[in-house]
Amino acid sequence: MSIVDDLVSNFVERNGIRLNGAFTITLVDGGVSIKGEVLSVVRDQKKNKDILKVNAPVTADVKIGNIIIPLPQIR
């Protein structure tokens, strides 16, 4: 394995991630709007210590294109 593989595997095996937060999903013309906040903590499980705390706002507008459903011809 490479050094990067070792670092990533050690990080994943040794640390835990806790996510918390709330989102508001709103239907808008042509898609959805997502707003909220994510609170995350990366914890070193071996030392039983938090190593990173992040409080991140989330704002996203997702547009959905036209959906065309072909119908069979009725005779």
PDB file of N, CA and C in Angstrom:
ATOM      1  N   MET A   1       0.831  -1.191   0.000  1.00  0.00           N
ATOM      2  CA  MET A   1       0.000   0.000   0.000  1.00  0.00           C
ATOM      3  C   MET A   1       0.872   1.250   0.000  1.00  0.00           C
ATOM      4  N   SER A   2       0.300   2.318  -0.497  1.00  0.00           N
ATOM      5  CA  SER A   2       1.045   3.574  -0.528  1.00  0.00           C
ATOM      6  C   SER A   2       0.882   4.313   0.800  1.00  0.00           C
ATOM      7  N   ILE A   3       1.644   5.368   0.966  1.00  0.00           N
ATOM      8  CA  ILE A   3       1.574   6.178   2.188  1.00  0.00           C
ATOM      9  C   ILE A   3       0.190   6.801   2.330  1.00  0.00           C
ATOM     10  N   VAL A   4      -0.393   7.244   1.220  1.00  0.00           N
ATOM     11  CA  VAL A   4      -1.723   7.859   1.249  1.00  0.00           C
ATOM     12  C   VAL A   4      -2.766   6.833   1.706  1.00  0.00           C
ATOM     13  N   ASP A   5      -2.682   5.617   1.191  1.00  0.00           N
ATOM     14  CA  ASP A   5      -3.614   4.560   1.609  1.00  0.00           C
ATOM     15  C   ASP A   5      -3.495   4.290   3.108  1.00  0.00           C
ATOM     16  N   ASP A   6      -2.272   4.248   3.614  1.00  0.00           N
ATOM     17  CA  ASP A   6      -2.057   4.018   5.039  1.00  0.00           C
ATOM     18  C   ASP A   6      -2.651   5.148   5.874  1.00  0.00           C
ATOM     19  N   LEU A   7      -2.427   6.402   5.447  1.00  0.00           N
ATOM     20  CA  LEU A   7      -2.964   7.551   6.186  1.00  0.00           C
ATOM     21  C   LEU A   7      -4.484   7.540   6.208  1.00  0.00           C
ATOM     22  N   VAL A   8      -5.097   7.273   5.063  1.00  0.00           N
ATOM     23  CA  VAL A   8      -6.556   7.268   4.986  1.00  0.00           C
ATOM     24  C   VAL A   8      -7.128   6.124   5.812  1.00  0.00           C
ATOM     25  N   SER A   9      -6.551   4.937   5.704  1.00  0.00           N
ATOM     26  CA  SER A   9      -7.084   3.799   6.471  1.00  0.00           C
ATOM     27  C   SER A   9      -6.921   4.031   7.976  1.00  0.00           C
ATOM     28  N   ASN A  10      -5.796   4.597   8.416  1.00  0.00           N
ATOM     29  CA  ASN A  10      -5.608   4.901   9.832  1.00  0.00           C
ATOM     30  C   ASN A  10      -6.597   5.955  10.309  1.00  0.00           C
ATOM     31  N   PHE A  11      -6.855   6.952   9.469  1.00  0.00           N
ATOM     32  CA  PHE A  11      -7.810   8.004   9.835  1.00  0.00           C
ATOM     33  C   PHE A  11      -9.211   7.413   9.996  1.00  0.00           C
ATOM     34  N   VAL A  12      -9.616   6.557   9.069  1.00  0.00           N
ATOM     35  CA  VAL A  12     -10.962   5.972   9.104  1.00  0.00           C
ATOM     36  C   VAL A  12     -11.106   5.000  10.264  1.00  0.00           C
ATOM     37  N   GLU A  13     -10.087   4.188  10.518  1.00  0.00           N
ATOM     38  CA  GLU A  13     -10.167   3.186  11.584  1.00  0.00           C
ATOM     39  C   GLU A  13     -10.115   3.818  12.972  1.00  0.00           C
ATOM     40  N   ARG A  14      -9.386   4.905  13.118  1.00  0.00           N
ATOM     41  CA  ARG A  14      -9.141   5.478  14.430  1.00  0.00           C
ATOM     42  C   ARG A  14     -10.139   6.562  14.814  1.00  0.00           C
ATOM     43  N   ASN A  15     -10.754   7.208  13.848  1.00  0.00           N
ATOM     44  CA  ASN A  15     -11.610   8.359  14.123  1.00  0.00           C
ATOM     45  C   ASN A  15     -13.065   8.073  13.801  1.00  0.00           C
ATOM     46  N   GLY A  16     -13.926   8.769  14.500  1.00  0.00           N
ATOM     47  CA  GLY A  16     -15.357   8.682  14.253  1.00  0.00           C
ATOM     48  C   GLY A  16     -15.892  10.065  13.935  1.00  0.00           C
ATOM     49  N   ILE A  17     -16.909  10.120  13.113  1.00  0.00           N
ATOM     50  CA  ILE A  17     -17.513  11.401  12.739  1.00  0.00           C
ATOM     51  C   ILE A  17     -18.948  11.412  13.233  1.00  0.00           C
ATOM     52  N   ARG A  18     -19.308  12.475  13.927  1.00  0.00           N
ATOM     53  CA  ARG A  18     -20.670  12.644  14.415  1.00  0.00           C
ATOM     54  C   ARG A  18     -21.288  13.840  13.686  1.00  0.00           C
ATOM     55  N   LEU A  19     -22.419  13.623  13.036  1.00  0.00           N
ATOM     56  CA  LEU A  19     -23.115  14.680  12.301  1.00  0.00           C
ATOM     57  C   LEU A  19     -24.431  14.992  12.999  1.00  0.00           C
ATOM     58  N   ASN A  20     -24.763  16.271  13.007  1.00  0.00           N
ATOM     59  CA  ASN A  20     -25.997  16.716  13.619  1.00  0.00           C
ATOM     60  C   ASN A  20     -26.448  17.963  12.869  1.00  0.00           C
ATOM     61  N   GLY A  21     -27.717  18.222  12.825  1.00  0.00           N
ATOM     62  CA  GLY A  21     -28.180  19.430  12.158  1.00  0.00           C
ATOM     63  C   GLY A  21     -29.603  19.300  11.675  1.00  0.00           C
ATOM     64  N   ALA A  22     -30.038  20.312  10.951  1.00  0.00           N
ATOM     65  CA  ALA A  22     -31.403  20.326  10.435  1.00  0.00           C
ATOM     66  C   ALA A  22     -31.415  21.003   9.076  1.00  0.00           C
ATOM     67  N   PHE A  23     -32.312  20.525   8.208  1.00  0.00           N
ATOM     68  CA  PHE A  23     -32.471  21.080   6.874  1.00  0.00           C
ATOM     69  C   PHE A  23     -33.930  21.454   6.648  1.00  0.00           C
ATOM     70  N   THR A  24     -34.122  22.469   5.840  1.00  0.00           N
ATOM     71  CA  THR A  24     -35.448  22.823   5.360  1.00  0.00           C
ATOM     72  C   THR A  24     -35.433  22.637   3.858  1.00  0.00           C
ATOM     73  N   ILE A  25     -36.331  21.795   3.365  1.00  0.00           N
ATOM     74  CA  ILE A  25     -36.424  21.544   1.931  1.00  0.00           C
ATOM     75  C   ILE A  25     -37.718  22.180   1.440  1.00  0.00           C
ATOM     76  N   THR A  26     -37.585  23.097   0.484  1.00  0.00           N
ATOM     77  CA  THR A  26     -38.727  23.826  -0.036  1.00  0.00           C
ATOM     78  C   THR A  26     -38.861  23.563  -1.526  1.00  0.00           C
ATOM     79  N   LEU A  27     -40.071  23.258  -1.965  1.00  0.00           N
ATOM     80  CA  LEU A  27     -40.321  23.112  -3.395  1.00  0.00           C
ATOM     81  C   LEU A  27     -40.449  24.503  -4.014  1.00  0.00           C
ATOM     82  N   VAL A  28     -39.675  24.748  -5.059  1.00  0.00           N
ATOM     83  CA  VAL A  28     -39.737  26.019  -5.783  1.00  0.00           C
ATOM     84  C   VAL A  28     -39.993  25.711  -7.248  1.00  0.00           C
ATOM     85  N   ASP A  29     -40.299  26.737  -8.010  1.00  0.00           N
ATOM     86  CA  ASP A  29     -40.580  26.557  -9.424  1.00  0.00           C
ATOM     87  C   ASP A  29     -39.362  25.968 -10.130  1.00  0.00           C
ATOM     88  N   GLY A  30     -39.484  24.757 -10.636  1.00  0.00           N
ATOM     89  CA  GLY A  30     -38.411  24.107 -11.377  1.00  0.00           C
ATOM     90  C   GLY A  30     -37.426  23.315 -10.541  1.00  0.00           C
ATOM     91  N   GLY A  31     -37.661  23.131  -9.240  1.00  0.00           N
ATOM     92  CA  GLY A  31     -36.722  22.358  -8.442  1.00  0.00           C
ATOM     93  C   GLY A  31     -36.994  22.451  -6.961  1.00  0.00           C
ATOM     94  N   VAL A  32     -35.935  22.347  -6.163  1.00  0.00           N
ATOM     95  CA  VAL A  32     -36.044  22.434  -4.706  1.00  0.00           C
ATOM     96  C   VAL A  32     -34.958  23.358  -4.168  1.00  0.00           C
ATOM     97  N   SER A  33     -35.231  23.913  -3.004  1.00  0.00           N
ATOM     98  CA  SER A  33     -34.266  24.755  -2.310  1.00  0.00           C
ATOM     99  C   SER A  33     -33.993  24.117  -0.954  1.00  0.00           C
ATOM    100  N   ILE A  34     -32.718  23.976  -0.602  1.00  0.00           N
ATOM    101  CA  ILE A  34     -32.328  23.351   0.658  1.00  0.00           C
ATOM    102  C   ILE A  34     -31.538  24.368   1.477  1.00  0.00           C
ATOM    103  N   LYS A  35     -31.973  24.568   2.715  1.00  0.00           N
ATOM    104  CA  LYS A  35     -31.273  25.487   3.612  1.00  0.00           C
ATOM    105  C   LYS A  35     -31.185  24.834   4.977  1.00  0.00           C
ATOM    106  N   GLY A  36     -30.083  25.074   5.675  1.00  0.00           N
ATOM    107  CA  GLY A  36     -29.934  24.494   7.003  1.00  0.00           C
ATOM    108  C   GLY A  36     -28.540  24.669   7.537  1.00  0.00           C
ATOM    109  N   GLU A  37     -28.210  23.820   8.500  1.00  0.00           N
ATOM    110  CA  GLU A  37     -26.924  23.912   9.170  1.00  0.00           C
ATOM    111  C   GLU A  37     -26.470  22.508   9.573  1.00  0.00           C
ATOM    112  N   VAL A  38     -25.197  22.227   9.390  1.00  0.00           N
ATOM    113  CA  VAL A  38     -24.625  20.933   9.763  1.00  0.00           C
ATOM    114  C   VAL A  38     -23.570  21.165  10.835  1.00  0.00           C
ATOM    115  N   LEU A  39     -23.701  20.434  11.918  1.00  0.00           N
ATOM    116  CA  LEU A  39     -22.711  20.460  12.987  1.00  0.00           C
ATOM    117  C   LEU A  39     -21.994  19.118  12.947  1.00  0.00           C
ATOM    118  N   SER A  40     -20.679  19.121  12.778  1.00  0.00           N
ATOM    119  CA  SER A  40     -19.949  17.859  12.713  1.00  0.00           C
ATOM    120  C   SER A  40     -18.737  17.901  13.643  1.00  0.00           C
ATOM    121  N   VAL A  41     -18.427  16.726  14.187  1.00  0.00           N
ATOM    122  CA  VAL A  41     -17.292  16.579  15.098  1.00  0.00           C
ATOM    123  C   VAL A  41     -16.512  15.341  14.675  1.00  0.00           C
ATOM    124  N   VAL A  42     -15.193  15.503  14.495  1.00  0.00           N
ATOM    125  CA  VAL A  42     -14.312  14.362  14.245  1.00  0.00           C
ATOM    126  C   VAL A  42     -13.640  14.038  15.570  1.00  0.00           C
ATOM    127  N   ARG A  43     -13.787  12.785  16.017  1.00  0.00           N
ATOM    128  CA  ARG A  43     -13.288  12.377  17.328  1.00  0.00           C
ATOM    129  C   ARG A  43     -12.261  11.262  17.193  1.00  0.00           C
ATOM    130  N   ASP A  44     -11.109  11.452  17.833  1.00  0.00           N
ATOM    131  CA  ASP A  44     -10.074  10.419  17.905  1.00  0.00           C
ATOM    132  C   ASP A  44     -10.518   9.413  18.964  1.00  0.00           C
ATOM    133  N   GLN A  45     -10.901   8.219  18.523  1.00  0.00           N
ATOM    134  CA  GLN A  45     -11.460   7.234  19.441  1.00  0.00           C
ATOM    135  C   GLN A  45     -10.396   6.595  20.328  1.00  0.00           C
ATOM    136  N   LYS A  46      -9.154   6.590  19.887  1.00  0.00           N
ATOM    137  CA  LYS A  46      -8.086   6.001  20.698  1.00  0.00           C
ATOM    138  C   LYS A  46      -7.757   6.898  21.893  1.00  0.00           C
ATOM    139  N   LYS A  47      -7.668   8.229  21.642  1.00  0.00           N
ATOM    140  CA  LYS A  47      -7.367   9.179  22.714  1.00  0.00           C
ATOM    141  C   LYS A  47      -8.630   9.730  23.374  1.00  0.00           C
ATOM    142  N   ASN A  48      -9.801   9.379  22.813  1.00  0.00           N
ATOM    143  CA  ASN A  48     -11.090   9.842  23.331  1.00  0.00           C
ATOM    144  C   ASN A  48     -11.118  11.377  23.410  1.00  0.00           C
ATOM    145  N   LYS A  49     -10.775  12.008  22.281  1.00  0.00           N
ATOM    146  CA  LYS A  49     -10.632  13.462  22.246  1.00  0.00           C
ATOM    147  C   LYS A  49     -11.165  13.995  20.912  1.00  0.00           C
ATOM    148  N   ASP A  50     -11.901  15.113  20.941  1.00  0.00           N
ATOM    149  CA  ASP A  50     -12.364  15.759  19.715  1.00  0.00           C
ATOM    150  C   ASP A  50     -11.183  16.463  19.053  1.00  0.00           C
ATOM    151  N   ILE A  51     -11.026  16.240  17.727  1.00  0.00           N
ATOM    152  CA  ILE A  51      -9.903  16.878  17.034  1.00  0.00           C
ATOM    153  C   ILE A  51     -10.354  17.942  16.042  1.00  0.00           C
ATOM    154  N   LEU A  52     -11.643  17.943  15.684  1.00  0.00           N
ATOM    155  CA  LEU A  52     -12.147  18.947  14.748  1.00  0.00           C
ATOM    156  C   LEU A  52     -13.633  19.147  14.967  1.00  0.00           C
ATOM    157  N   LYS A  53     -14.043  20.410  15.104  1.00  0.00           N
ATOM    158  CA  LYS A  53     -15.463  20.753  15.206  1.00  0.00           C
ATOM    159  C   LYS A  53     -15.786  21.735  14.098  1.00  0.00           C
ATOM    160  N   VAL A  54     -16.859  21.447  13.343  1.00  0.00           N
ATOM    161  CA  VAL A  54     -17.246  22.300  12.222  1.00  0.00           C
ATOM    162  C   VAL A  54     -18.736  22.600  12.316  1.00  0.00           C
ATOM    163  N   ASN A  55     -19.068  23.869  12.191  1.00  0.00           N
ATOM    164  CA  ASN A  55     -20.449  24.320  12.130  1.00  0.00           C
ATOM    165  C   ASN A  55     -20.605  24.981  10.763  1.00  0.00           C
ATOM    166  N   ALA A  56     -21.241  24.284   9.813  1.00  0.00           N
ATOM    167  CA  ALA A  56     -21.284  24.759   8.424  1.00  0.00           C
ATOM    168  C   ALA A  56     -22.719  25.031   7.978  1.00  0.00           C
ATOM    169  N   PRO A  57     -22.965  26.243   7.453  1.00  0.00           N
ATOM    170  CA  PRO A  57     -24.280  26.507   6.870  1.00  0.00           C
ATOM    171  C   PRO A  57     -24.404  25.825   5.510  1.00  0.00           C
ATOM    172  N   VAL A  58     -25.616  25.407   5.169  1.00  0.00           N
ATOM    173  CA  VAL A  58     -25.866  24.743   3.894  1.00  0.00           C
ATOM    174  C   VAL A  58     -26.957  25.507   3.162  1.00  0.00           C
ATOM    175  N   THR A  59     -26.659  25.915   1.935  1.00  0.00           N
ATOM    176  CA  THR A  59     -27.643  26.555   1.070  1.00  0.00           C
ATOM    177  C   THR A  59     -27.458  25.984  -0.325  1.00  0.00           C
ATOM    178  N   ALA A  60     -28.520  25.390  -0.864  1.00  0.00           N
ATOM    179  CA  ALA A  60     -28.427  24.787  -2.191  1.00  0.00           C
ATOM    180  C   ALA A  60     -29.741  24.966  -2.934  1.00  0.00           C
ATOM    181  N   ASP A  61     -29.641  25.285  -4.201  1.00  0.00           N
ATOM    182  CA  ASP A  61     -30.789  25.343  -5.088  1.00  0.00           C
ATOM    183  C   ASP A  61     -30.584  24.287  -6.161  1.00  0.00           C
ATOM    184  N   VAL A  62     -31.492  23.343  -6.239  1.00  0.00           N
ATOM    185  CA  VAL A  62     -31.383  22.254  -7.205  1.00  0.00           C
ATOM    186  C   VAL A  62     -32.484  22.432  -8.237  1.00  0.00           C
ATOM    187  N   LYS A  63     -32.077  22.550  -9.485  1.00  0.00           N
ATOM    188  CA  LYS A  63     -33.038  22.699 -10.582  1.00  0.00           C
ATOM    189  C   LYS A  63     -33.238  21.345 -11.253  1.00  0.00           C
ATOM    190  N   ILE A  64     -34.470  21.052 -11.568  1.00  0.00           N
ATOM    191  CA  ILE A  64     -34.812  19.791 -12.222  1.00  0.00           C
ATOM    192  C   ILE A  64     -35.337  20.124 -13.608  1.00  0.00           C
ATOM    193  N   GLY A  65     -34.778  19.481 -14.627  1.00  0.00           N
ATOM    194  CA  GLY A  65     -35.197  19.720 -16.008  1.00  0.00           C
ATOM    195  C   GLY A  65     -36.569  19.136 -16.282  1.00  0.00           C
ATOM    196  N   ASN A  66     -37.049  19.382 -17.457  1.00  0.00           N
ATOM    197  CA  ASN A  66     -38.347  18.844 -17.866  1.00  0.00           C
ATOM    198  C   ASN A  66     -38.308  17.329 -17.912  1.00  0.00           C
ATOM    199  N   ILE A  67     -39.357  16.723 -17.423  1.00  0.00           N
ATOM    200  CA  ILE A  67     -39.491  15.271 -17.464  1.00  0.00           C
ATOM    201  C   ILE A  67     -40.540  14.950 -18.523  1.00  0.00           C
ATOM    202  N   ILE A  68     -40.136  14.201 -19.508  1.00  0.00           N
ATOM    203  CA  ILE A  68     -41.052  13.836 -20.595  1.00  0.00           C
ATOM    204  C   ILE A  68     -41.366  12.358 -20.485  1.00  0.00           C
ATOM    205  N   ILE A  69     -42.652  12.060 -20.366  1.00  0.00           N
ATOM    206  CA  ILE A  69     -43.084  10.675 -20.267  1.00  0.00           C
ATOM    207  C   ILE A  69     -43.852  10.355 -21.556  1.00  0.00           C
ATOM    208  N   PRO A  70     -43.276   9.500 -22.409  1.00  0.00           N
ATOM    209  CA  PRO A  70     -43.991   9.169 -23.646  1.00  0.00           C
ATOM    210  C   PRO A  70     -45.202   8.284 -23.359  1.00  0.00           C
ATOM    211  N   LEU A  71     -46.312   8.592 -23.986  1.00  0.00           N
ATOM    212  CA  LEU A  71     -47.523   7.816 -23.836  1.00  0.00           C
ATOM    213  C   LEU A  71     -47.793   7.036 -25.127  1.00  0.00           C
ATOM    214  N   PRO A  72     -48.334   5.851 -24.970  1.00  0.00           N
ATOM    215  CA  PRO A  72     -48.637   5.084 -26.194  1.00  0.00           C
ATOM    216  C   PRO A  72     -49.803   5.738 -26.942  1.00  0.00           C
ATOM    217  N   GLN A  73     -49.814   5.533 -28.218  1.00  0.00           N
ATOM    218  CA  GLN A  73     -50.869   6.096 -29.047  1.00  0.00           C
ATOM    219  C   GLN A  73     -52.152   5.284 -28.850  1.00  0.00           C
ATOM    220  N   ILE A  74     -53.237   5.956 -28.549  1.00  0.00           N
ATOM    221  CA  ILE A  74     -54.518   5.287 -28.327  1.00  0.00           C
ATOM    222  C   ILE A  74     -55.343   5.418 -29.608  1.00  0.00           C
ATOM    223  N   ARG A  75     -55.812   4.279 -30.150  1.00  0.00           N
ATOM    224  CA  ARG A  75     -56.592   4.323 -31.401  1.00  0.00           C
ATOM    225  C   ARG A  75     -57.957   3.766 -31.178  1.00  0.00           C
TER     226      ARG A  75
END
